[in-house]
Amino acid sequence: GVDSRYQAMDVPGVFKDARHAQRTFSDPEFREYFMAMG
């Protein structure tokens, strides 16, 4: 409701496991973009 982009963390069928999601969310490029959204 604040910014619809936040739902990107919940995309299905993209991460093969939890550690894959961890590597994605910890990536500097992703972090810089996602943390600035709000």
Full PDB file with SEQRES, HELIX, SHEET, SSBOND, CRYST1, ORIGX, SCALE, CONECT and MASTER records, all heavy atoms in Angstrom:
SEQRES   1 A   38  GLY VAL ASP SER ARG TYR GLN ALA MET ASP VAL PRO GLY          
SEQRES   2 A   38  VAL PHE LYS ASP ALA ARG HIS ALA GLN ARG THR PHE SER          
SEQRES   3 A   38  ASP PRO GLU PHE ARG GLU TYR PHE MET ALA MET GLY              
HELIX    1 AA1 SER A    4  ASP A   10  5                                   7    
HELIX    2 AA2 ALA A   18  SER A   26  1                                   9    
HELIX    3 AA3 PRO A   28  MET A   35  1                                   8    
CRYST1    1.000    1.000    1.000  90.00  90.00  90.00 P 1           1          
ORIGX1      1.000000  0.000000  0.000000        0.00000                         
ORIGX2      0.000000  1.000000  0.000000        0.00000                         
ORIGX3      0.000000  0.000000  1.000000        0.00000                         
SCALE1      1.000000  0.000000  0.000000        0.00000                         
SCALE2      0.000000  1.000000  0.000000        0.00000                         
SCALE3      0.000000  0.000000  1.000000        0.00000                         
ATOM      1  N   GLY A   1       0.805  -1.209   0.000  1.00  0.00           N  
ATOM      2  CA  GLY A   1       0.000   0.000   0.000  1.00  0.00           C  
ATOM      3  C   GLY A   1       0.842   1.264   0.000  1.00  0.00           C  
ATOM      4  O   GLY A   1       0.387   2.332  -0.406  1.00  0.00           O  
ATOM      5  N   VAL A   2       2.096   1.130   0.460  1.00  0.00           N  
ATOM      6  CA  VAL A   2       3.039   2.246   0.449  1.00  0.00           C  
ATOM      7  C   VAL A   2       3.746   2.316  -0.899  1.00  0.00           C  
ATOM      8  O   VAL A   2       3.865   3.378  -1.505  1.00  0.00           O  
ATOM      9  CB  VAL A   2       4.079   2.088   1.585  1.00  0.00           C  
ATOM     10  CG1 VAL A   2       5.122   3.201   1.532  1.00  0.00           C  
ATOM     11  CG2 VAL A   2       3.385   2.067   2.941  1.00  0.00           C  
ATOM     12  N   ASP A   3       4.199   1.154  -1.368  1.00  0.00           N  
ATOM     13  CA  ASP A   3       4.885   1.058  -2.660  1.00  0.00           C  
ATOM     14  C   ASP A   3       4.761  -0.383  -3.128  1.00  0.00           C  
ATOM     15  O   ASP A   3       5.245  -1.310  -2.470  1.00  0.00           O  
ATOM     16  CB  ASP A   3       6.359   1.446  -2.518  1.00  0.00           C  
ATOM     17  CG  ASP A   3       7.056   1.619  -3.865  1.00  0.00           C  
ATOM     18  OD1 ASP A   3       6.855   0.765  -4.749  1.00  0.00           O  
ATOM     19  OD2 ASP A   3       7.799   2.597  -4.033  1.00  0.00           O  
ATOM     20  N   SER A   4       4.103  -0.581  -4.261  1.00  0.00           N  
ATOM     21  CA  SER A   4       3.807  -1.935  -4.743  1.00  0.00           C  
ATOM     22  C   SER A   4       5.061  -2.724  -5.107  1.00  0.00           C  
ATOM     23  O   SER A   4       5.004  -3.947  -5.250  1.00  0.00           O  
ATOM     24  CB  SER A   4       2.865  -1.874  -5.941  1.00  0.00           C  
ATOM     25  OG  SER A   4       3.417  -1.094  -6.985  1.00  0.00           O  
ATOM     26  N   ARG A   5       6.201  -2.061  -5.220  1.00  0.00           N  
ATOM     27  CA  ARG A   5       7.440  -2.769  -5.558  1.00  0.00           C  
ATOM     28  C   ARG A   5       7.905  -3.696  -4.442  1.00  0.00           C  
ATOM     29  O   ARG A   5       8.683  -4.628  -4.685  1.00  0.00           O  
ATOM     30  CB  ARG A   5       8.535  -1.765  -5.895  1.00  0.00           C  
ATOM     31  CG  ARG A   5       8.321  -1.017  -7.195  1.00  0.00           C  
ATOM     32  CD  ARG A   5       9.393   0.043  -7.411  1.00  0.00           C  
ATOM     33  NE  ARG A   5       9.330   1.117  -6.427  1.00  0.00           N  
ATOM     34  CZ  ARG A   5      10.219   2.094  -6.327  1.00  0.00           C  
ATOM     35  NH1 ARG A   5      11.256   2.125  -7.156  1.00  0.00           N  
ATOM     36  NH2 ARG A   5      10.082   3.046  -5.422  1.00  0.00           N  
ATOM     37  N   TYR A   6       7.436  -3.462  -3.230  1.00  0.00           N  
ATOM     38  CA  TYR A   6       7.876  -4.305  -2.115  1.00  0.00           C  
ATOM     39  C   TYR A   6       7.512  -5.779  -2.300  1.00  0.00           C  
ATOM     40  O   TYR A   6       8.138  -6.657  -1.721  1.00  0.00           O  
ATOM     41  CB  TYR A   6       7.288  -3.796  -0.797  1.00  0.00           C  
ATOM     42  CG  TYR A   6       8.060  -2.637  -0.182  1.00  0.00           C  
ATOM     43  CD1 TYR A   6       7.545  -1.346  -0.201  1.00  0.00           C  
ATOM     44  CD2 TYR A   6       9.299  -2.838   0.410  1.00  0.00           C  
ATOM     45  CE1 TYR A   6       8.241  -0.279   0.353  1.00  0.00           C  
ATOM     46  CE2 TYR A   6      10.004  -1.782   0.970  1.00  0.00           C  
ATOM     47  CZ  TYR A   6       9.468  -0.504   0.933  1.00  0.00           C  
ATOM     48  OH  TYR A   6      10.181   0.544   1.487  1.00  0.00           O  
ATOM     49  N   GLN A   7       6.489  -6.057  -3.095  1.00  0.00           N  
ATOM     50  CA  GLN A   7       6.078  -7.446  -3.273  1.00  0.00           C  
ATOM     51  C   GLN A   7       7.088  -8.267  -4.074  1.00  0.00           C  
ATOM     52  O   GLN A   7       6.965  -9.493  -4.182  1.00  0.00           O  
ATOM     53  CB  GLN A   7       4.706  -7.505  -3.935  1.00  0.00           C  
ATOM     54  CG  GLN A   7       4.638  -6.937  -5.335  1.00  0.00           C  
ATOM     55  CD  GLN A   7       3.218  -6.793  -5.846  1.00  0.00           C  
ATOM     56  OE1 GLN A   7       2.413  -7.720  -5.733  1.00  0.00           O  
ATOM     57  NE2 GLN A   7       2.898  -5.635  -6.395  1.00  0.00           N  
ATOM     58  N   ALA A   8       8.112  -7.624  -4.596  1.00  0.00           N  
ATOM     59  CA  ALA A   8       9.115  -8.352  -5.380  1.00  0.00           C  
ATOM     60  C   ALA A   8       9.837  -9.419  -4.564  1.00  0.00           C  
ATOM     61  O   ALA A   8      10.345 -10.395  -5.127  1.00  0.00           O  
ATOM     62  CB  ALA A   8      10.127  -7.379  -5.971  1.00  0.00           C  
ATOM     63  N   MET A   9       9.905  -9.257  -3.241  1.00  0.00           N  
ATOM     64  CA  MET A   9      10.570 -10.275  -2.423  1.00  0.00           C  
ATOM     65  C   MET A   9       9.808 -11.597  -2.429  1.00  0.00           C  
ATOM     66  O   MET A   9      10.385 -12.650  -2.130  1.00  0.00           O  
ATOM     67  CB  MET A   9      10.731  -9.789  -0.982  1.00  0.00           C  
ATOM     68  CG  MET A   9      11.708  -8.639  -0.802  1.00  0.00           C  
ATOM     69  SD  MET A   9      12.007  -8.246   0.948  1.00  0.00           S  
ATOM     70  CE  MET A   9      13.214  -9.516   1.384  1.00  0.00           C  
ATOM     71  N   ASP A  10       8.525 -11.549  -2.743  1.00  0.00           N  
ATOM     72  CA  ASP A  10       7.683 -12.743  -2.651  1.00  0.00           C  
ATOM     73  C   ASP A  10       7.453 -13.434  -3.984  1.00  0.00           C  
ATOM     74  O   ASP A  10       6.581 -14.297  -4.088  1.00  0.00           O  
ATOM     75  CB  ASP A  10       6.314 -12.356  -2.048  1.00  0.00           C  
ATOM     76  CG  ASP A  10       6.442 -11.854  -0.618  1.00  0.00           C  
ATOM     77  OD1 ASP A  10       7.448 -12.170   0.037  1.00  0.00           O  
ATOM     78  OD2 ASP A  10       5.531 -11.128  -0.165  1.00  0.00           O  
ATOM     79  N   VAL A  11       8.209 -13.059  -5.007  1.00  0.00           N  
ATOM     80  CA  VAL A  11       7.959 -13.650  -6.324  1.00  0.00           C  
ATOM     81  C   VAL A  11       8.135 -15.164  -6.274  1.00  0.00           C  
ATOM     82  O   VAL A  11       9.133 -15.677  -5.764  1.00  0.00           O  
ATOM     83  CB  VAL A  11       8.882 -13.033  -7.403  1.00  0.00           C  
ATOM     84  CG1 VAL A  11       8.541 -11.582  -7.618  1.00  0.00           C  
ATOM     85  CG2 VAL A  11      10.351 -13.192  -7.042  1.00  0.00           C  
ATOM     86  N   PRO A  12       7.165 -15.923  -6.787  1.00  0.00           N  
ATOM     87  CA  PRO A  12       7.255 -17.391  -6.767  1.00  0.00           C  
ATOM     88  C   PRO A  12       8.033 -17.936  -7.953  1.00  0.00           C  
ATOM     89  O   PRO A  12       8.142 -17.299  -8.999  1.00  0.00           O  
ATOM     90  CB  PRO A  12       5.785 -17.814  -6.845  1.00  0.00           C  
ATOM     91  CG  PRO A  12       5.140 -16.718  -7.632  1.00  0.00           C  
ATOM     92  CD  PRO A  12       5.870 -15.443  -7.268  1.00  0.00           C  
ATOM     93  N   GLY A  13       8.579 -19.107  -7.767  1.00  0.00           N  
ATOM     94  CA  GLY A  13       9.238 -19.808  -8.857  1.00  0.00           C  
ATOM     95  C   GLY A  13      10.579 -19.241  -9.285  1.00  0.00           C  
ATOM     96  O   GLY A  13      11.115 -19.649 -10.319  1.00  0.00           O  
ATOM     97  N   VAL A  14      11.140 -18.306  -8.515  1.00  0.00           N  
ATOM     98  CA  VAL A  14      12.393 -17.666  -8.895  1.00  0.00           C  
ATOM     99  C   VAL A  14      13.574 -18.198  -8.091  1.00  0.00           C  
ATOM    100  O   VAL A  14      14.651 -18.444  -8.644  1.00  0.00           O  
ATOM    101  CB  VAL A  14      12.293 -16.126  -8.722  1.00  0.00           C  
ATOM    102  CG1 VAL A  14      13.655 -15.463  -8.935  1.00  0.00           C  
ATOM    103  CG2 VAL A  14      11.266 -15.561  -9.695  1.00  0.00           C  
ATOM    104  N   PHE A  15      13.379 -18.398  -6.810  1.00  0.00           N  
ATOM    105  CA  PHE A  15      14.475 -18.839  -5.937  1.00  0.00           C  
ATOM    106  C   PHE A  15      14.424 -20.349  -5.752  1.00  0.00           C  
ATOM    107  O   PHE A  15      13.388 -20.911  -5.394  1.00  0.00           O  
ATOM    108  CB  PHE A  15      14.374 -18.148  -4.571  1.00  0.00           C  
ATOM    109  CG  PHE A  15      14.227 -16.652  -4.667  1.00  0.00           C  
ATOM    110  CD1 PHE A  15      13.086 -16.021  -4.202  1.00  0.00           C  
ATOM    111  CD2 PHE A  15      15.216 -15.883  -5.262  1.00  0.00           C  
ATOM    112  CE1 PHE A  15      12.940 -14.647  -4.299  1.00  0.00           C  
ATOM    113  CE2 PHE A  15      15.082 -14.510  -5.371  1.00  0.00           C  
ATOM    114  CZ  PHE A  15      13.936 -13.890  -4.890  1.00  0.00           C  
ATOM    115  N   LYS A  16      15.557 -20.984  -5.989  1.00  0.00           N  
ATOM    116  CA  LYS A  16      15.561 -22.443  -5.884  1.00  0.00           C  
ATOM    117  C   LYS A  16      15.531 -22.913  -4.439  1.00  0.00           C  
ATOM    118  O   LYS A  16      15.107 -24.034  -4.147  1.00  0.00           O  
ATOM    119  CB  LYS A  16      16.774 -23.027  -6.620  1.00  0.00           C  
ATOM    120  CG  LYS A  16      18.120 -22.597  -6.083  1.00  0.00           C  
ATOM    121  CD  LYS A  16      19.242 -23.195  -6.922  1.00  0.00           C  
ATOM    122  CE  LYS A  16      20.621 -22.815  -6.381  1.00  0.00           C  
ATOM    123  NZ  LYS A  16      21.712 -23.389  -7.204  1.00  0.00           N  
ATOM    124  N   ASP A  17      15.985 -22.076  -3.518  1.00  0.00           N  
ATOM    125  CA  ASP A  17      15.906 -22.383  -2.098  1.00  0.00           C  
ATOM    126  C   ASP A  17      16.139 -21.102  -1.298  1.00  0.00           C  
ATOM    127  O   ASP A  17      16.348 -20.026  -1.868  1.00  0.00           O  
ATOM    128  CB  ASP A  17      16.904 -23.474  -1.684  1.00  0.00           C  
ATOM    129  CG  ASP A  17      18.344 -23.151  -2.074  1.00  0.00           C  
ATOM    130  OD1 ASP A  17      18.707 -21.948  -2.098  1.00  0.00           O  
ATOM    131  OD2 ASP A  17      19.118 -24.088  -2.341  1.00  0.00           O  
ATOM    132  N   ALA A  18      16.114 -21.223   0.023  1.00  0.00           N  
ATOM    133  CA  ALA A  18      16.245 -20.049   0.889  1.00  0.00           C  
ATOM    134  C   ALA A  18      17.605 -19.367   0.745  1.00  0.00           C  
ATOM    135  O   ALA A  18      17.699 -18.131   0.801  1.00  0.00           O  
ATOM    136  CB  ALA A  18      16.012 -20.452   2.345  1.00  0.00           C  
ATOM    137  N   ARG A  19      18.653 -20.155   0.563  1.00  0.00           N  
ATOM    138  CA  ARG A  19      19.991 -19.559   0.423  1.00  0.00           C  
ATOM    139  C   ARG A  19      20.127 -18.779  -0.880  1.00  0.00           C  
ATOM    140  O   ARG A  19      20.838 -17.780  -0.942  1.00  0.00           O  
ATOM    141  CB  ARG A  19      21.061 -20.651   0.507  1.00  0.00           C  
ATOM    142  CG  ARG A  19      21.182 -21.313   1.872  1.00  0.00           C  
ATOM    143  CD  ARG A  19      21.567 -20.304   2.950  1.00  0.00           C  
ATOM    144  NE  ARG A  19      21.851 -20.963   4.231  1.00  0.00           N  
ATOM    145  CZ  ARG A  19      22.044 -20.330   5.376  1.00  0.00           C  
ATOM    146  NH1 ARG A  19      21.984 -19.000   5.408  1.00  0.00           N  
ATOM    147  NH2 ARG A  19      22.282 -20.988   6.484  1.00  0.00           N  
ATOM    148  N   HIS A  20      19.427 -19.240  -1.911  1.00  0.00           N  
ATOM    149  CA  HIS A  20      19.423 -18.499  -3.182  1.00  0.00           C  
ATOM    150  C   HIS A  20      18.750 -17.140  -2.975  1.00  0.00           C  
ATOM    151  O   HIS A  20      19.227 -16.104  -3.465  1.00  0.00           O  
ATOM    152  CB  HIS A  20      18.705 -19.309  -4.257  1.00  0.00           C  
ATOM    153  CG  HIS A  20      18.733 -18.683  -5.608  1.00  0.00           C  
ATOM    154  ND1 HIS A  20      17.826 -18.993  -6.597  1.00  0.00           N  
ATOM    155  CD2 HIS A  20      19.540 -17.726  -6.152  1.00  0.00           C  
ATOM    156  CE1 HIS A  20      18.078 -18.291  -7.680  1.00  0.00           C  
ATOM    157  NE2 HIS A  20      19.122 -17.502  -7.435  1.00  0.00           N  
ATOM    158  N   ALA A  21      17.650 -17.142  -2.214  1.00  0.00           N  
ATOM    159  CA  ALA A  21      16.988 -15.872  -1.904  1.00  0.00           C  
ATOM    160  C   ALA A  21      17.912 -14.971  -1.088  1.00  0.00           C  
ATOM    161  O   ALA A  21      17.984 -13.759  -1.331  1.00  0.00           O  
ATOM    162  CB  ALA A  21      15.697 -16.144  -1.127  1.00  0.00           C  
ATOM    163  N   GLN A  22      18.636 -15.571  -0.156  1.00  0.00           N  
ATOM    164  CA  GLN A  22      19.573 -14.793   0.666  1.00  0.00           C  
ATOM    165  C   GLN A  22      20.635 -14.118  -0.199  1.00  0.00           C  
ATOM    166  O   GLN A  22      20.929 -12.926  -0.022  1.00  0.00           O  
ATOM    167  CB  GLN A  22      20.245 -15.693   1.700  1.00  0.00           C  
ATOM    168  CG  GLN A  22      21.269 -14.967   2.572  1.00  0.00           C  
ATOM    169  CD  GLN A  22      21.964 -15.881   3.567  1.00  0.00           C  
ATOM    170  OE1 GLN A  22      21.742 -17.093   3.581  1.00  0.00           O  
ATOM    171  NE2 GLN A  22      22.804 -15.317   4.405  1.00  0.00           N  
ATOM    172  N   ARG A  23      21.193 -14.864  -1.136  1.00  0.00           N  
ATOM    173  CA  ARG A  23      22.221 -14.286  -2.007  1.00  0.00           C  
ATOM    174  C   ARG A  23      21.649 -13.157  -2.863  1.00  0.00           C  
ATOM    175  O   ARG A  23      22.319 -12.141  -3.111  1.00  0.00           O  
ATOM    176  CB  ARG A  23      22.829 -15.379  -2.890  1.00  0.00           C  
ATOM    177  CG  ARG A  23      23.666 -16.403  -2.140  1.00  0.00           C  
ATOM    178  CD  ARG A  23      24.457 -17.293  -3.094  1.00  0.00           C  
ATOM    179  NE  ARG A  23      23.626 -18.093  -3.970  1.00  0.00           N  
ATOM    180  CZ  ARG A  23      23.106 -19.281  -3.658  1.00  0.00           C  
ATOM    181  NH1 ARG A  23      23.322 -19.797  -2.455  1.00  0.00           N  
ATOM    182  NH2 ARG A  23      22.369 -19.955  -4.535  1.00  0.00           N  
ATOM    183  N   THR A  24      20.408 -13.334  -3.290  1.00  0.00           N  
ATOM    184  CA  THR A  24      19.768 -12.297  -4.111  1.00  0.00           C  
ATOM    185  C   THR A  24      19.535 -11.026  -3.303  1.00  0.00           C  
ATOM    186  O   THR A  24      19.899  -9.924  -3.729  1.00  0.00           O  
ATOM    187  CB  THR A  24      18.432 -12.816  -4.666  1.00  0.00           C  
ATOM    188  OG1 THR A  24      18.665 -14.017  -5.432  1.00  0.00           O  
ATOM    189  CG2 THR A  24      17.762 -11.762  -5.549  1.00  0.00           C  
ATOM    190  N   PHE A  25      18.939 -11.174  -2.139  1.00  0.00           N  
ATOM    191  CA  PHE A  25      18.595 -10.005  -1.326  1.00  0.00           C  
ATOM    192  C   PHE A  25      19.835  -9.329  -0.731  1.00  0.00           C  
ATOM    193  O   PHE A  25      19.797  -8.140  -0.402  1.00  0.00           O  
ATOM    194  CB  PHE A  25      17.635 -10.401  -0.209  1.00  0.00           C  
ATOM    195  CG  PHE A  25      16.329 -10.987  -0.686  1.00  0.00           C  
ATOM    196  CD1 PHE A  25      15.616 -11.871   0.106  1.00  0.00           C  
ATOM    197  CD2 PHE A  25      15.819 -10.660  -1.938  1.00  0.00           C  
ATOM    198  CE1 PHE A  25      14.414 -12.420  -0.330  1.00  0.00           C  
ATOM    199  CE2 PHE A  25      14.615 -11.208  -2.391  1.00  0.00           C  
ATOM    200  CZ  PHE A  25      13.915 -12.088  -1.581  1.00  0.00           C  
ATOM    201  N   SER A  26      20.934 -10.077  -0.608  1.00  0.00           N  
ATOM    202  CA  SER A  26      22.168  -9.517  -0.050  1.00  0.00           C  
ATOM    203  C   SER A  26      23.049  -8.883  -1.119  1.00  0.00           C  
ATOM    204  O   SER A  26      24.043  -8.234  -0.787  1.00  0.00           O  
ATOM    205  CB  SER A  26      22.967 -10.613   0.671  1.00  0.00           C  
ATOM    206  OG  SER A  26      22.208 -11.191   1.713  1.00  0.00           O  
ATOM    207  N   ASP A  27      22.699  -9.073  -2.366  1.00  0.00           N  
ATOM    208  CA  ASP A  27      23.481  -8.510  -3.462  1.00  0.00           C  
ATOM    209  C   ASP A  27      23.503  -6.979  -3.357  1.00  0.00           C  
ATOM    210  O   ASP A  27      22.454  -6.355  -3.150  1.00  0.00           O  
ATOM    211  CB  ASP A  27      22.861  -8.936  -4.796  1.00  0.00           C  
ATOM    212  CG  ASP A  27      23.614  -8.379  -5.985  1.00  0.00           C  
ATOM    213  OD1 ASP A  27      24.616  -8.979  -6.387  1.00  0.00           O  
ATOM    214  OD2 ASP A  27      23.179  -7.314  -6.491  1.00  0.00           O  
ATOM    215  N   PRO A  28      24.667  -6.351  -3.494  1.00  0.00           N  
ATOM    216  CA  PRO A  28      24.757  -4.889  -3.334  1.00  0.00           C  
ATOM    217  C   PRO A  28      23.826  -4.111  -4.260  1.00  0.00           C  
ATOM    218  O   PRO A  28      23.229  -3.108  -3.846  1.00  0.00           O  
ATOM    219  CB  PRO A  28      26.229  -4.593  -3.642  1.00  0.00           C  
ATOM    220  CG  PRO A  28      26.947  -5.854  -3.294  1.00  0.00           C  
ATOM    221  CD  PRO A  28      26.000  -6.966  -3.657  1.00  0.00           C  
ATOM    222  N   GLU A  29      23.697  -4.560  -5.510  1.00  0.00           N  
ATOM    223  CA  GLU A  29      22.829  -3.838  -6.449  1.00  0.00           C  
ATOM    224  C   GLU A  29      21.373  -3.912  -6.011  1.00  0.00           C  
ATOM    225  O   GLU A  29      20.652  -2.898  -6.017  1.00  0.00           O  
ATOM    226  CB  GLU A  29      22.980  -4.415  -7.858  1.00  0.00           C  
ATOM    227  CG  GLU A  29      22.174  -3.657  -8.905  1.00  0.00           C  
ATOM    228  CD  GLU A  29      22.298  -4.256 -10.306  1.00  0.00           C  
ATOM    229  OE1 GLU A  29      22.888  -5.354 -10.440  1.00  0.00           O  
ATOM    230  OE2 GLU A  29      21.780  -3.630 -11.252  1.00  0.00           O  
ATOM    231  N   PHE A  30      20.944  -5.111  -5.619  1.00  0.00           N  
ATOM    232  CA  PHE A  30      19.558  -5.271  -5.176  1.00  0.00           C  
ATOM    233  C   PHE A  30      19.323  -4.501  -3.882  1.00  0.00           C  
ATOM    234  O   PHE A  30      18.307  -3.812  -3.726  1.00  0.00           O  
ATOM    235  CB  PHE A  30      19.235  -6.754  -4.968  1.00  0.00           C  
ATOM    236  CG  PHE A  30      17.777  -7.012  -4.661  1.00  0.00           C  
ATOM    237  CD1 PHE A  30      16.876  -7.228  -5.690  1.00  0.00           C  
ATOM    238  CD2 PHE A  30      17.307  -7.013  -3.350  1.00  0.00           C  
ATOM    239  CE1 PHE A  30      15.524  -7.455  -5.418  1.00  0.00           C  
ATOM    240  CE2 PHE A  30      15.966  -7.221  -3.070  1.00  0.00           C  
ATOM    241  CZ  PHE A  30      15.075  -7.449  -4.110  1.00  0.00           C  
ATOM    242  N   ARG A  31      20.268  -4.611  -2.949  1.00  0.00           N  
ATOM    243  CA  ARG A  31      20.118  -3.943  -1.656  1.00  0.00           C  
ATOM    244  C   ARG A  31      19.979  -2.422  -1.817  1.00  0.00           C  
ATOM    245  O   ARG A  31      19.105  -1.800  -1.216  1.00  0.00           O  
ATOM    246  CB  ARG A  31      21.295  -4.264  -0.740  1.00  0.00           C  
ATOM    247  CG  ARG A  31      21.188  -3.594   0.642  1.00  0.00           C  
ATOM    248  CD  ARG A  31      22.462  -3.786   1.457  1.00  0.00           C  
ATOM    249  NE  ARG A  31      22.735  -5.177   1.727  1.00  0.00           N  
ATOM    250  CZ  ARG A  31      22.104  -5.899   2.658  1.00  0.00           C  
ATOM    251  NH1 ARG A  31      21.168  -5.337   3.405  1.00  0.00           N  
ATOM    252  NH2 ARG A  31      22.401  -7.157   2.848  1.00  0.00           N  
ATOM    253  N   GLU A  32      20.860  -1.837  -2.606  1.00  0.00           N  
ATOM    254  CA  GLU A  32      20.840  -0.391  -2.774  1.00  0.00           C  
ATOM    255  C   GLU A  32      19.492   0.081  -3.323  1.00  0.00           C  
ATOM    256  O   GLU A  32      18.928   1.079  -2.849  1.00  0.00           O  
ATOM    257  CB  GLU A  32      21.970   0.048  -3.703  1.00  0.00           C  
ATOM    258  CG  GLU A  32      22.047   1.556  -3.911  1.00  0.00           C  
ATOM    259  CD  GLU A  32      23.179   1.980  -4.832  1.00  0.00           C  
ATOM    260  OE1 GLU A  32      23.892   1.097  -5.354  1.00  0.00           O  
ATOM    261  OE2 GLU A  32      23.336   3.198  -5.033  1.00  0.00           O  
ATOM    262  N   TYR A  33      18.984  -0.629  -4.308  1.00  0.00           N  
ATOM    263  CA  TYR A  33      17.703  -0.256  -4.914  1.00  0.00           C  
ATOM    264  C   TYR A  33      16.554  -0.455  -3.929  1.00  0.00           C  
ATOM    265  O   TYR A  33      15.731   0.443  -3.714  1.00  0.00           O  
ATOM    266  CB  TYR A  33      17.472  -1.099  -6.166  1.00  0.00           C  
ATOM    267  CG  TYR A  33      16.176  -0.788  -6.895  1.00  0.00           C  
ATOM    268  CD1 TYR A  33      16.156   0.092  -7.966  1.00  0.00           C  
ATOM    269  CD2 TYR A  33      14.974  -1.377  -6.499  1.00  0.00           C  
ATOM    270  CE1 TYR A  33      14.974   0.380  -8.642  1.00  0.00           C  
ATOM    271  CE2 TYR A  33      13.782  -1.095  -7.152  1.00  0.00           C  
ATOM    272  CZ  TYR A  33      13.794  -0.218  -8.219  1.00  0.00           C  
ATOM    273  OH  TYR A  33      12.618   0.071  -8.878  1.00  0.00           O  
ATOM    274  N   PHE A  34      16.489  -1.641  -3.327  1.00  0.00           N  
ATOM    275  CA  PHE A  34      15.328  -2.024  -2.526  1.00  0.00           C  
ATOM    276  C   PHE A  34      15.237  -1.233  -1.226  1.00  0.00           C  
ATOM    277  O   PHE A  34      14.154  -0.847  -0.794  1.00  0.00           O  
ATOM    278  CB  PHE A  34      15.379  -3.525  -2.231  1.00  0.00           C  
ATOM    279  CG  PHE A  34      14.021  -4.148  -2.021  1.00  0.00           C  
ATOM    280  CD1 PHE A  34      13.235  -4.493  -3.110  1.00  0.00           C  
ATOM    281  CD2 PHE A  34      13.538  -4.387  -0.746  1.00  0.00           C  
ATOM    282  CE1 PHE A  34      11.988  -5.067  -2.929  1.00  0.00           C  
ATOM    283  CE2 PHE A  34      12.285  -4.963  -0.561  1.00  0.00           C  
ATOM    284  CZ  PHE A  34      11.513  -5.304  -1.648  1.00  0.00           C  
ATOM    285  N   MET A  35      16.371  -0.976  -0.609  1.00  0.00           N  
ATOM    286  CA  MET A  35      16.362  -0.273   0.670  1.00  0.00           C  
ATOM    287  C   MET A  35      16.016   1.203   0.524  1.00  0.00           C  
ATOM    288  O   MET A  35      15.610   1.851   1.486  1.00  0.00           O  
ATOM    289  CB  MET A  35      17.711  -0.428   1.369  1.00  0.00           C  
ATOM    290  CG  MET A  35      18.004  -1.833   1.875  1.00  0.00           C  
ATOM    291  SD  MET A  35      16.975  -2.352   3.292  1.00  0.00           S  
ATOM    292  CE  MET A  35      15.546  -3.105   2.492  1.00  0.00           C  
ATOM    293  N   ALA A  36      16.178   1.744  -0.675  1.00  0.00           N  
ATOM    294  CA  ALA A  36      15.879   3.175  -0.894  1.00  0.00           C  
ATOM    295  C   ALA A  36      14.431   3.422  -1.308  1.00  0.00           C  
ATOM    296  O   ALA A  36      13.995   4.574  -1.350  1.00  0.00           O  
ATOM    297  CB  ALA A  36      16.822   3.735  -1.959  1.00  0.00           C  
ATOM    298  N   MET A  37      13.667   2.351  -1.577  1.00  0.00           N  
ATOM    299  CA  MET A  37      12.345   2.517  -2.178  1.00  0.00           C  
ATOM    300  C   MET A  37      11.381   3.322  -1.315  1.00  0.00           C  
ATOM    301  O   MET A  37      10.579   4.094  -1.822  1.00  0.00           O  
ATOM    302  CB  MET A  37      11.723   1.144  -2.482  1.00  0.00           C  
ATOM    303  CG  MET A  37      12.382   0.419  -3.627  1.00  0.00           C  
ATOM    304  SD  MET A  37      11.454  -1.023  -4.204  1.00  0.00           S  
ATOM    305  CE  MET A  37      10.926  -1.813  -2.701  1.00  0.00           C  
ATOM    306  N   GLY A  38      11.440   3.156  -0.010  1.00  0.00           N  
ATOM    307  CA  GLY A  38      10.432   3.774   0.839  1.00  0.00           C  
ATOM    308  C   GLY A  38      10.813   5.111   1.433  1.00  0.00           C  
ATOM    309  O   GLY A  38      10.015   5.703   2.175  1.00  0.00           O  
TER     310      GLY A  38                                                      
MASTER        0    0    0    3    0    0    0    6  309    1    0    3          
END                                                                             
